[in-house]
Amino acid sequence: MEVQPLLPPLTQPGGGTALDERVTPDLSHGDHERFAHYVRKEKIVESAVTGEPVTALCGKVWAPSRDPQKFPVCPECKAIYEGLAPGGDDSSD
C-alpha cells in the first residue's frame, strides 16, 4: 500500500479535508483463541523464559499466557496428535 503525505493546509477559505490513512492489522485469530492447543512441553518452557511465540500442531502461532485448562482442546490439534505415532516425543523416559 502506497502512503501519500498529507497535503499542506489550504490557503483559501472553504476548508479542505486531510485524510490520514492508517492500516490497522487484523490481530484476530478466529476460533483459535477459544481453544487450548497442543505444543511440545519444552517449547512452552522456552516461550515462558524468552517470550518467543510457539507453534501449535494446528499451525496457530502465539505466545501462551492463559491457563489452557480453562479451554476445550483444539479439535485440529487433537486430531493431529491422535494421528501421531506413539513415543515420538524424543524422550528416553
PDB file of N, CA and C in Angstrom:
ATOM      1  N   MET A   1       0.840  -1.165   0.000  1.00  0.00           N
ATOM      2  CA  MET A   1       0.000   0.000   0.000  1.00  0.00           C
ATOM      3  C   MET A   1       0.890   1.235   0.000  1.00  0.00           C
ATOM      4  N   GLU A   2       0.687   2.125  -0.913  1.00  0.00           N
ATOM      5  CA  GLU A   2       1.475   3.347  -1.001  1.00  0.00           C
ATOM      6  C   GLU A   2       0.850   4.396  -0.102  1.00  0.00           C
ATOM      7  N   VAL A   3       1.677   5.046   0.705  1.00  0.00           N
ATOM      8  CA  VAL A   3       1.197   6.076   1.620  1.00  0.00           C
ATOM      9  C   VAL A   3       1.569   7.431   1.047  1.00  0.00           C
ATOM     10  N   GLN A   4       0.584   8.293   0.919  1.00  0.00           N
ATOM     11  CA  GLN A   4       0.790   9.637   0.400  1.00  0.00           C
ATOM     12  C   GLN A   4       0.951  10.598   1.570  1.00  0.00           C
ATOM     13  N   PRO A   5       1.872  11.567   1.470  1.00  0.00           N
ATOM     14  CA  PRO A   5       1.995  12.546   2.554  1.00  0.00           C
ATOM     15  C   PRO A   5       0.749  13.423   2.613  1.00  0.00           C
ATOM     16  N   LEU A   6       0.495  13.954   3.795  1.00  0.00           N
ATOM     17  CA  LEU A   6      -0.644  14.857   3.954  1.00  0.00           C
ATOM     18  C   LEU A   6      -0.387  16.122   3.149  1.00  0.00           C
ATOM     19  N   LEU A   7      -1.422  16.649   2.544  1.00  0.00           N
ATOM     20  CA  LEU A   7      -1.309  17.871   1.756  1.00  0.00           C
ATOM     21  C   LEU A   7      -1.158  19.072   2.681  1.00  0.00           C
ATOM     22  N   PRO A   8      -0.462  20.129   2.232  1.00  0.00           N
ATOM     23  CA  PRO A   8      -0.352  21.326   3.069  1.00  0.00           C
ATOM     24  C   PRO A   8      -1.730  21.960   3.235  1.00  0.00           C
ATOM     25  N   PRO A   9      -1.926  22.731   4.297  1.00  0.00           N
ATOM     26  CA  PRO A   9      -3.238  23.344   4.523  1.00  0.00           C
ATOM     27  C   PRO A   9      -3.618  24.260   3.364  1.00  0.00           C
ATOM     28  N   LEU A  10      -4.901  24.306   3.084  1.00  0.00           N
ATOM     29  CA  LEU A  10      -5.407  25.176   2.020  1.00  0.00           C
ATOM     30  C   LEU A  10      -5.286  26.636   2.445  1.00  0.00           C
ATOM     31  N   THR A  11      -4.951  27.487   1.502  1.00  0.00           N
ATOM     32  CA  THR A  11      -4.793  28.906   1.819  1.00  0.00           C
ATOM     33  C   THR A  11      -6.066  29.690   1.563  1.00  0.00           C
ATOM     34  N   GLN A  12      -7.011  29.087   0.880  1.00  0.00           N
ATOM     35  CA  GLN A  12      -8.255  29.789   0.587  1.00  0.00           C
ATOM     36  C   GLN A  12      -9.342  29.295   1.519  1.00  0.00           C
ATOM     37  N   PRO A  13     -10.286  30.191   1.855  1.00  0.00           N
ATOM     38  CA  PRO A  13     -11.397  29.755   2.695  1.00  0.00           C
ATOM     39  C   PRO A  13     -12.202  28.668   1.985  1.00  0.00           C
ATOM     40  N   GLY A  14     -12.892  27.953   2.710  1.00  0.00           N
ATOM     41  CA  GLY A  14     -13.715  26.890   2.148  1.00  0.00           C
ATOM     42  C   GLY A  14     -13.314  25.552   2.742  1.00  0.00           C
ATOM     43  N   GLY A  15     -12.132  25.539   3.321  1.00  0.00           N
ATOM     44  CA  GLY A  15     -11.691  24.349   4.023  1.00  0.00           C
ATOM     45  C   GLY A  15     -11.294  23.219   3.109  1.00  0.00           C
ATOM     46  N   GLY A  16     -10.915  22.202   3.680  1.00  0.00           N
ATOM     47  CA  GLY A  16     -10.492  21.007   2.975  1.00  0.00           C
ATOM     48  C   GLY A  16     -10.486  19.853   3.956  1.00  0.00           C
ATOM     49  N   THR A  17     -10.184  18.721   3.462  1.00  0.00           N
ATOM     50  CA  THR A  17     -10.151  17.538   4.304  1.00  0.00           C
ATOM     51  C   THR A  17      -8.796  16.875   4.168  1.00  0.00           C
ATOM     52  N   ALA A  18      -8.144  16.660   5.275  1.00  0.00           N
ATOM     53  CA  ALA A  18      -6.895  15.906   5.282  1.00  0.00           C
ATOM     54  C   ALA A  18      -7.259  14.462   5.588  1.00  0.00           C
ATOM     55  N   LEU A  19      -6.704  13.568   4.831  1.00  0.00           N
ATOM     56  CA  LEU A  19      -7.009  12.157   5.002  1.00  0.00           C
ATOM     57  C   LEU A  19      -5.821  11.469   5.644  1.00  0.00           C
ATOM     58  N   ASP A  20      -6.041  10.879   6.789  1.00  0.00           N
ATOM     59  CA  ASP A  20      -4.998  10.152   7.499  1.00  0.00           C
ATOM     60  C   ASP A  20      -5.313   8.673   7.358  1.00  0.00           C
ATOM     61  N   GLU A  21      -4.629   8.013   6.450  1.00  0.00           N
ATOM     62  CA  GLU A  21      -4.895   6.595   6.215  1.00  0.00           C
ATOM     63  C   GLU A  21      -3.964   5.762   7.075  1.00  0.00           C
ATOM     64  N   ARG A  22      -4.534   5.044   7.984  1.00  0.00           N
ATOM     65  CA  ARG A  22      -3.759   4.144   8.833  1.00  0.00           C
ATOM     66  C   ARG A  22      -4.264   2.739   8.610  1.00  0.00           C
ATOM     67  N   VAL A  23      -3.339   1.849   8.474  1.00  0.00           N
ATOM     68  CA  VAL A  23      -3.692   0.451   8.295  1.00  0.00           C
ATOM     69  C   VAL A  23      -3.616  -0.216   9.655  1.00  0.00           C
ATOM     70  N   THR A  24      -4.728  -0.752  10.078  1.00  0.00           N
ATOM     71  CA  THR A  24      -4.775  -1.465  11.341  1.00  0.00           C
ATOM     72  C   THR A  24      -4.743  -2.954  11.041  1.00  0.00           C
ATOM     73  N   PRO A  25      -3.696  -3.647  11.497  1.00  0.00           N
ATOM     74  CA  PRO A  25      -3.627  -5.074  11.204  1.00  0.00           C
ATOM     75  C   PRO A  25      -4.731  -5.843  11.910  1.00  0.00           C
ATOM     76  N   ASP A  26      -5.201  -6.886  11.266  1.00  0.00           N
ATOM     77  CA  ASP A  26      -6.220  -7.752  11.850  1.00  0.00           C
ATOM     78  C   ASP A  26      -5.507  -8.743  12.754  1.00  0.00           C
ATOM     79  N   LEU A  27      -5.629  -8.556  14.055  1.00  0.00           N
ATOM     80  CA  LEU A  27      -4.947  -9.416  15.006  1.00  0.00           C
ATOM     81  C   LEU A  27      -5.833 -10.541  15.521  1.00  0.00           C
ATOM     82  N   SER A  28      -7.043 -10.627  15.016  1.00  0.00           N
ATOM     83  CA  SER A  28      -7.926 -11.696  15.465  1.00  0.00           C
ATOM     84  C   SER A  28      -7.450 -13.019  14.886  1.00  0.00           C
ATOM     85  N   HIS A  29      -7.668 -14.055  15.626  1.00  0.00           N
ATOM     86  CA  HIS A  29      -7.220 -15.371  15.197  1.00  0.00           C
ATOM     87  C   HIS A  29      -8.389 -16.334  15.075  1.00  0.00           C
ATOM     88  N   GLY A  30      -9.558 -15.802  14.925  1.00  0.00           N
ATOM     89  CA  GLY A  30     -10.723 -16.655  14.758  1.00  0.00           C
ATOM     90  C   GLY A  30     -10.970 -17.512  15.979  1.00  0.00           C
ATOM     91  N   ASP A  31     -11.360 -18.753  15.738  1.00  0.00           N
ATOM     92  CA  ASP A  31     -11.707 -19.672  16.814  1.00  0.00           C
ATOM     93  C   ASP A  31     -10.500 -20.192  17.580  1.00  0.00           C
ATOM     94  N   HIS A  32      -9.286 -19.970  17.069  1.00  0.00           N
ATOM     95  CA  HIS A  32      -8.100 -20.470  17.758  1.00  0.00           C
ATOM     96  C   HIS A  32      -8.004 -19.940  19.184  1.00  0.00           C
ATOM     97  N   GLU A  33      -8.517 -18.739  19.436  1.00  0.00           N
ATOM     98  CA  GLU A  33      -8.426 -18.143  20.765  1.00  0.00           C
ATOM     99  C   GLU A  33      -9.352 -18.828  21.770  1.00  0.00           C
ATOM    100  N   ARG A  34     -10.245 -19.652  21.292  1.00  0.00           N
ATOM    101  CA  ARG A  34     -11.215 -20.301  22.176  1.00  0.00           C
ATOM    102  C   ARG A  34     -10.763 -21.680  22.628  1.00  0.00           C
ATOM    103  N   PHE A  35      -9.581 -22.115  22.203  1.00  0.00           N
ATOM    104  CA  PHE A  35      -9.136 -23.477  22.472  1.00  0.00           C
ATOM    105  C   PHE A  35      -7.778 -23.526  23.157  1.00  0.00           C
ATOM    106  N   ALA A  36      -7.536 -24.648  23.831  1.00  0.00           N
ATOM    107  CA  ALA A  36      -6.203 -24.988  24.323  1.00  0.00           C
ATOM    108  C   ALA A  36      -5.542 -25.800  23.215  1.00  0.00           C
ATOM    109  N   HIS A  37      -4.288 -25.506  22.924  1.00  0.00           N
ATOM    110  CA  HIS A  37      -3.599 -26.132  21.798  1.00  0.00           C
ATOM    111  C   HIS A  37      -2.487 -27.059  22.259  1.00  0.00           C
ATOM    112  N   TYR A  38      -2.125 -28.007  21.401  1.00  0.00           N
ATOM    113  CA  TYR A  38      -1.035 -28.931  21.685  1.00  0.00           C
ATOM    114  C   TYR A  38       0.273 -28.344  21.171  1.00  0.00           C
ATOM    115  N   VAL A  39       1.240 -28.234  22.090  1.00  0.00           N
ATOM    116  CA  VAL A  39       2.580 -27.731  21.779  1.00  0.00           C
ATOM    117  C   VAL A  39       3.562 -28.578  22.582  1.00  0.00           C
ATOM    118  N   ARG A  40       4.756 -28.800  22.042  1.00  0.00           N
ATOM    119  CA  ARG A  40       5.780 -29.561  22.769  1.00  0.00           C
ATOM    120  C   ARG A  40       6.091 -28.860  24.096  1.00  0.00           C
ATOM    121  N   LYS A  41       6.207 -29.650  25.172  1.00  0.00           N
ATOM    122  CA  LYS A  41       6.427 -29.095  26.513  1.00  0.00           C
ATOM    123  C   LYS A  41       7.651 -28.190  26.576  1.00  0.00           C
ATOM    124  N   GLU A  42       8.752 -28.619  25.948  1.00  0.00           N
ATOM    125  CA  GLU A  42       9.972 -27.807  26.021  1.00  0.00           C
ATOM    126  C   GLU A  42       9.794 -26.454  25.333  1.00  0.00           C
ATOM    127  N   LYS A  43       8.918 -26.394  24.339  1.00  0.00           N
ATOM    128  CA  LYS A  43       8.657 -25.123  23.656  1.00  0.00           C
ATOM    129  C   LYS A  43       7.850 -24.175  24.550  1.00  0.00           C
ATOM    130  N   ILE A  44       6.964 -24.736  25.372  1.00  0.00           N
ATOM    131  CA  ILE A  44       6.193 -23.918  26.314  1.00  0.00           C
ATOM    132  C   ILE A  44       7.140 -23.293  27.337  1.00  0.00           C
ATOM    133  N   VAL A  45       8.063 -24.108  27.864  1.00  0.00           N
ATOM    134  CA  VAL A  45       9.031 -23.607  28.846  1.00  0.00           C
ATOM    135  C   VAL A  45       9.912 -22.536  28.206  1.00  0.00           C
ATOM    136  N   GLU A  46      10.395 -22.813  27.001  1.00  0.00           N
ATOM    137  CA  GLU A  46      11.238 -21.851  26.284  1.00  0.00           C
ATOM    138  C   GLU A  46      10.491 -20.529  26.061  1.00  0.00           C
ATOM    139  N   SER A  47       9.227 -20.631  25.696  1.00  0.00           N
ATOM    140  CA  SER A  47       8.418 -19.432  25.468  1.00  0.00           C
ATOM    141  C   SER A  47       8.229 -18.640  26.761  1.00  0.00           C
ATOM    142  N   ALA A  48       8.045 -19.358  27.867  1.00  0.00           N
ATOM    143  CA  ALA A  48       7.868 -18.686  29.156  1.00  0.00           C
ATOM    144  C   ALA A  48       9.121 -17.900  29.542  1.00  0.00           C
ATOM    145  N   VAL A  49      10.292 -18.425  29.172  1.00  0.00           N
ATOM    146  CA  VAL A  49      11.556 -17.768  29.510  1.00  0.00           C
ATOM    147  C   VAL A  49      11.872 -16.625  28.551  1.00  0.00           C
ATOM    148  N   THR A  50      11.705 -16.873  27.248  1.00  0.00           N
ATOM    149  CA  THR A  50      12.135 -15.904  26.233  1.00  0.00           C
ATOM    150  C   THR A  50      11.029 -14.972  25.747  1.00  0.00           C
ATOM    151  N   GLY A  51       9.774 -15.392  25.912  1.00  0.00           N
ATOM    152  CA  GLY A  51       8.662 -14.602  25.388  1.00  0.00           C
ATOM    153  C   GLY A  51       8.404 -14.841  23.911  1.00  0.00           C
ATOM    154  N   GLU A  52       9.184 -15.735  23.301  1.00  0.00           N
ATOM    155  CA  GLU A  52       9.010 -16.050  21.884  1.00  0.00           C
ATOM    156  C   GLU A  52       7.723 -16.847  21.685  1.00  0.00           C
ATOM    157  N   PRO A  53       7.049 -16.667  20.563  1.00  0.00           N
ATOM    158  CA  PRO A  53       5.824 -17.427  20.301  1.00  0.00           C
ATOM    159  C   PRO A  53       6.114 -18.899  20.025  1.00  0.00           C
ATOM    160  N   VAL A  54       5.098 -19.713  20.198  1.00  0.00           N
ATOM    161  CA  VAL A  54       5.167 -21.147  19.907  1.00  0.00           C
ATOM    162  C   VAL A  54       4.217 -21.454  18.759  1.00  0.00           C
ATOM    163  N   THR A  55       4.390 -22.628  18.158  1.00  0.00           N
ATOM    164  CA  THR A  55       3.503 -23.064  17.078  1.00  0.00           C
ATOM    165  C   THR A  55       2.810 -24.348  17.512  1.00  0.00           C
ATOM    166  N   ALA A  56       1.485 -24.321  17.515  1.00  0.00           N
ATOM    167  CA  ALA A  56       0.696 -25.495  17.882  1.00  0.00           C
ATOM    168  C   ALA A  56       0.655 -26.479  16.719  1.00  0.00           C
ATOM    169  N   LEU A  57       0.223 -27.695  16.991  1.00  0.00           N
ATOM    170  CA  LEU A  57       0.105 -28.708  15.935  1.00  0.00           C
ATOM    171  C   LEU A  57      -0.788 -28.238  14.800  1.00  0.00           C
ATOM    172  N   CYS A  58      -1.806 -27.441  15.120  1.00  0.00           N
ATOM    173  CA  CYS A  58      -2.750 -26.971  14.103  1.00  0.00           C
ATOM    174  C   CYS A  58      -2.203 -25.802  13.292  1.00  0.00           C
ATOM    175  N   GLY A  59      -1.065 -25.254  13.719  1.00  0.00           N
ATOM    176  CA  GLY A  59      -0.465 -24.146  12.994  1.00  0.00           C
ATOM    177  C   GLY A  59      -0.620 -22.791  13.666  1.00  0.00           C
ATOM    178  N   LYS A  60      -1.410 -22.716  14.721  1.00  0.00           N
ATOM    179  CA  LYS A  60      -1.572 -21.431  15.420  1.00  0.00           C
ATOM    180  C   LYS A  60      -0.240 -21.030  16.043  1.00  0.00           C
ATOM    181  N   VAL A  61       0.141 -19.769  15.856  1.00  0.00           N
ATOM    182  CA  VAL A  61       1.370 -19.227  16.428  1.00  0.00           C
ATOM    183  C   VAL A  61       0.977 -18.140  17.422  1.00  0.00           C
ATOM    184  N   TRP A  62       1.457 -18.256  18.655  1.00  0.00           N
ATOM    185  CA  TRP A  62       1.125 -17.273  19.688  1.00  0.00           C
ATOM    186  C   TRP A  62       2.077 -17.431  20.870  1.00  0.00           C
ATOM    187  N   ALA A  63       2.095 -16.451  21.735  1.00  0.00           N
ATOM    188  CA  ALA A  63       2.858 -16.530  22.980  1.00  0.00           C
ATOM    189  C   ALA A  63       1.865 -16.899  24.081  1.00  0.00           C
ATOM    190  N   PRO A  64       1.946 -18.120  24.604  1.00  0.00           N
ATOM    191  CA  PRO A  64       0.973 -18.573  25.601  1.00  0.00           C
ATOM    192  C   PRO A  64       1.008 -17.710  26.863  1.00  0.00           C
ATOM    193  N   SER A  65      -0.183 -17.390  27.353  1.00  0.00           N
ATOM    194  CA  SER A  65      -0.265 -16.595  28.581  1.00  0.00           C
ATOM    195  C   SER A  65      -1.484 -16.960  29.423  1.00  0.00           C
ATOM    196  N   ARG A  66      -2.313 -17.842  28.932  1.00  0.00           N
ATOM    197  CA  ARG A  66      -3.538 -18.204  29.659  1.00  0.00           C
ATOM    198  C   ARG A  66      -3.464 -19.645  30.130  1.00  0.00           C
ATOM    199  N   ASP A  67      -4.270 -19.954  31.124  1.00  0.00           N
ATOM    200  CA  ASP A  67      -4.344 -21.313  31.649  1.00  0.00           C
ATOM    201  C   ASP A  67      -5.093 -22.188  30.652  1.00  0.00           C
ATOM    202  N   PRO A  68      -4.414 -23.149  30.006  1.00  0.00           N
ATOM    203  CA  PRO A  68      -5.079 -23.975  28.994  1.00  0.00           C
ATOM    204  C   PRO A  68      -6.180 -24.863  29.564  1.00  0.00           C
ATOM    205  N   GLN A  69      -6.153 -25.090  30.881  1.00  0.00           N
ATOM    206  CA  GLN A  69      -7.172 -25.937  31.497  1.00  0.00           C
ATOM    207  C   GLN A  69      -8.555 -25.282  31.474  1.00  0.00           C
ATOM    208  N   LYS A  70      -8.599 -23.989  31.198  1.00  0.00           N
ATOM    209  CA  LYS A  70      -9.875 -23.265  31.170  1.00  0.00           C
ATOM    210  C   LYS A  70     -10.555 -23.326  29.807  1.00  0.00           C
ATOM    211  N   PHE A  71      -9.933 -23.988  28.837  1.00  0.00           N
ATOM    212  CA  PHE A  71     -10.455 -24.014  27.476  1.00  0.00           C
ATOM    213  C   PHE A  71     -10.560 -25.447  26.970  1.00  0.00           C
ATOM    214  N   PRO A  72     -11.498 -25.714  26.063  1.00  0.00           N
ATOM    215  CA  PRO A  72     -11.566 -27.045  25.449  1.00  0.00           C
ATOM    216  C   PRO A  72     -10.375 -27.235  24.502  1.00  0.00           C
ATOM    217  N   VAL A  73     -10.016 -28.483  24.264  1.00  0.00           N
ATOM    218  CA  VAL A  73      -8.886 -28.797  23.381  1.00  0.00           C
ATOM    219  C   VAL A  73      -9.253 -28.479  21.935  1.00  0.00           C
ATOM    220  N   CYS A  74      -8.319 -27.886  21.218  1.00  0.00           N
ATOM    221  CA  CYS A  74      -8.496 -27.567  19.799  1.00  0.00           C
ATOM    222  C   CYS A  74      -8.746 -28.867  19.029  1.00  0.00           C
ATOM    223  N   PRO A  75      -9.849 -28.971  18.295  1.00  0.00           N
ATOM    224  CA  PRO A  75     -10.142 -30.209  17.574  1.00  0.00           C
ATOM    225  C   PRO A  75      -9.090 -30.546  16.512  1.00  0.00           C
ATOM    226  N   GLU A  76      -8.508 -29.539  15.875  1.00  0.00           N
ATOM    227  CA  GLU A  76      -7.469 -29.800  14.874  1.00  0.00           C
ATOM    228  C   GLU A  76      -6.221 -30.367  15.535  1.00  0.00           C
ATOM    229  N   CYS A  77      -5.796 -29.762  16.639  1.00  0.00           N
ATOM    230  CA  CYS A  77      -4.629 -30.257  17.365  1.00  0.00           C
ATOM    231  C   CYS A  77      -4.865 -31.691  17.840  1.00  0.00           C
ATOM    232  N   LYS A  78      -6.052 -31.942  18.366  1.00  0.00           N
ATOM    233  CA  LYS A  78      -6.374 -33.271  18.888  1.00  0.00           C
ATOM    234  C   LYS A  78      -6.321 -34.318  17.785  1.00  0.00           C
ATOM    235  N   ALA A  79      -6.889 -34.014  16.631  1.00  0.00           N
ATOM    236  CA  ALA A  79      -6.885 -34.964  15.509  1.00  0.00           C
ATOM    237  C   ALA A  79      -5.458 -35.244  15.040  1.00  0.00           C
ATOM    238  N   ILE A  80      -4.643 -34.207  14.961  1.00  0.00           N
ATOM    239  CA  ILE A  80      -3.251 -34.391  14.535  1.00  0.00           C
ATOM    240  C   ILE A  80      -2.497 -35.211  15.572  1.00  0.00           C
ATOM    241  N   TYR A  81      -2.670 -34.884  16.856  1.00  0.00           N
ATOM    242  CA  TYR A  81      -1.986 -35.592  17.938  1.00  0.00           C
ATOM    243  C   TYR A  81      -2.349 -37.072  17.939  1.00  0.00           C
ATOM    244  N   GLU A  82      -3.637 -37.367  17.769  1.00  0.00           N
ATOM    245  CA  GLU A  82      -4.084 -38.761  17.771  1.00  0.00           C
ATOM    246  C   GLU A  82      -3.556 -39.528  16.565  1.00  0.00           C
ATOM    247  N   GLY A  83      -3.200 -38.827  15.505  1.00  0.00           N
ATOM    248  CA  GLY A  83      -2.651 -39.472  14.316  1.00  0.00           C
ATOM    249  C   GLY A  83      -1.146 -39.681  14.364  1.00  0.00           C
ATOM    250  N   LEU A  84      -0.482 -39.123  15.392  1.00  0.00           N
ATOM    251  CA  LEU A  84       0.966 -39.283  15.523  1.00  0.00           C
ATOM    252  C   LEU A  84       1.310 -40.672  16.042  1.00  0.00           C
ATOM    253  N   ALA A  85       2.483 -41.153  15.654  1.00  0.00           N
ATOM    254  CA  ALA A  85       2.958 -42.445  16.154  1.00  0.00           C
ATOM    255  C   ALA A  85       3.295 -42.304  17.636  1.00  0.00           C
ATOM    256  N   PRO A  86       2.977 -43.330  18.446  1.00  0.00           N
ATOM    257  CA  PRO A  86       3.290 -43.254  19.876  1.00  0.00           C
ATOM    258  C   PRO A  86       4.803 -43.211  20.100  1.00  0.00           C
ATOM    259  N   GLY A  87       5.207 -42.508  21.165  1.00  0.00           N
ATOM    260  CA  GLY A  87       6.622 -42.452  21.525  1.00  0.00           C
ATOM    261  C   GLY A  87       7.447 -41.523  20.673  1.00  0.00           C
ATOM    262  N   GLY A  88       6.826 -40.636  19.946  1.00  0.00           N
ATOM    263  CA  GLY A  88       7.562 -39.745  19.065  1.00  0.00           C
ATOM    264  C   GLY A  88       7.966 -38.444  19.710  1.00  0.00           C
ATOM    265  N   ASP A  89       8.138 -38.441  21.037  1.00  0.00           N
ATOM    266  CA  ASP A  89       8.461 -37.188  21.719  1.00  0.00           C
ATOM    267  C   ASP A  89       9.949 -37.001  21.966  1.00  0.00           C
ATOM    268  N   ASP A  90      10.792 -37.876  21.420  1.00  0.00           N
ATOM    269  CA  ASP A  90      12.247 -37.793  21.542  1.00  0.00           C
ATOM    270  C   ASP A  90      12.734 -37.851  22.980  1.00  0.00           C
ATOM    271  N   SER A  91      11.941 -38.389  23.888  1.00  0.00           N
ATOM    272  CA  SER A  91      12.399 -38.508  25.274  1.00  0.00           C
ATOM    273  C   SER A  91      12.780 -39.952  25.547  1.00  0.00           C
ATOM    274  N   SER A  92      13.613 -40.155  26.551  1.00  0.00           N
ATOM    275  CA  SER A  92      14.067 -41.508  26.867  1.00  0.00           C
ATOM    276  C   SER A  92      13.397 -42.033  28.120  1.00  0.00           C
ATOM    277  N   ASP A  93      12.258 -41.479  28.500  1.00  0.00           N
ATOM    278  CA  ASP A  93      11.536 -41.888  29.712  1.00  0.00           C
ATOM    279  C   ASP A  93      10.941 -43.255  29.541  1.00  0.00           C
TER     280      ASP A  93
END
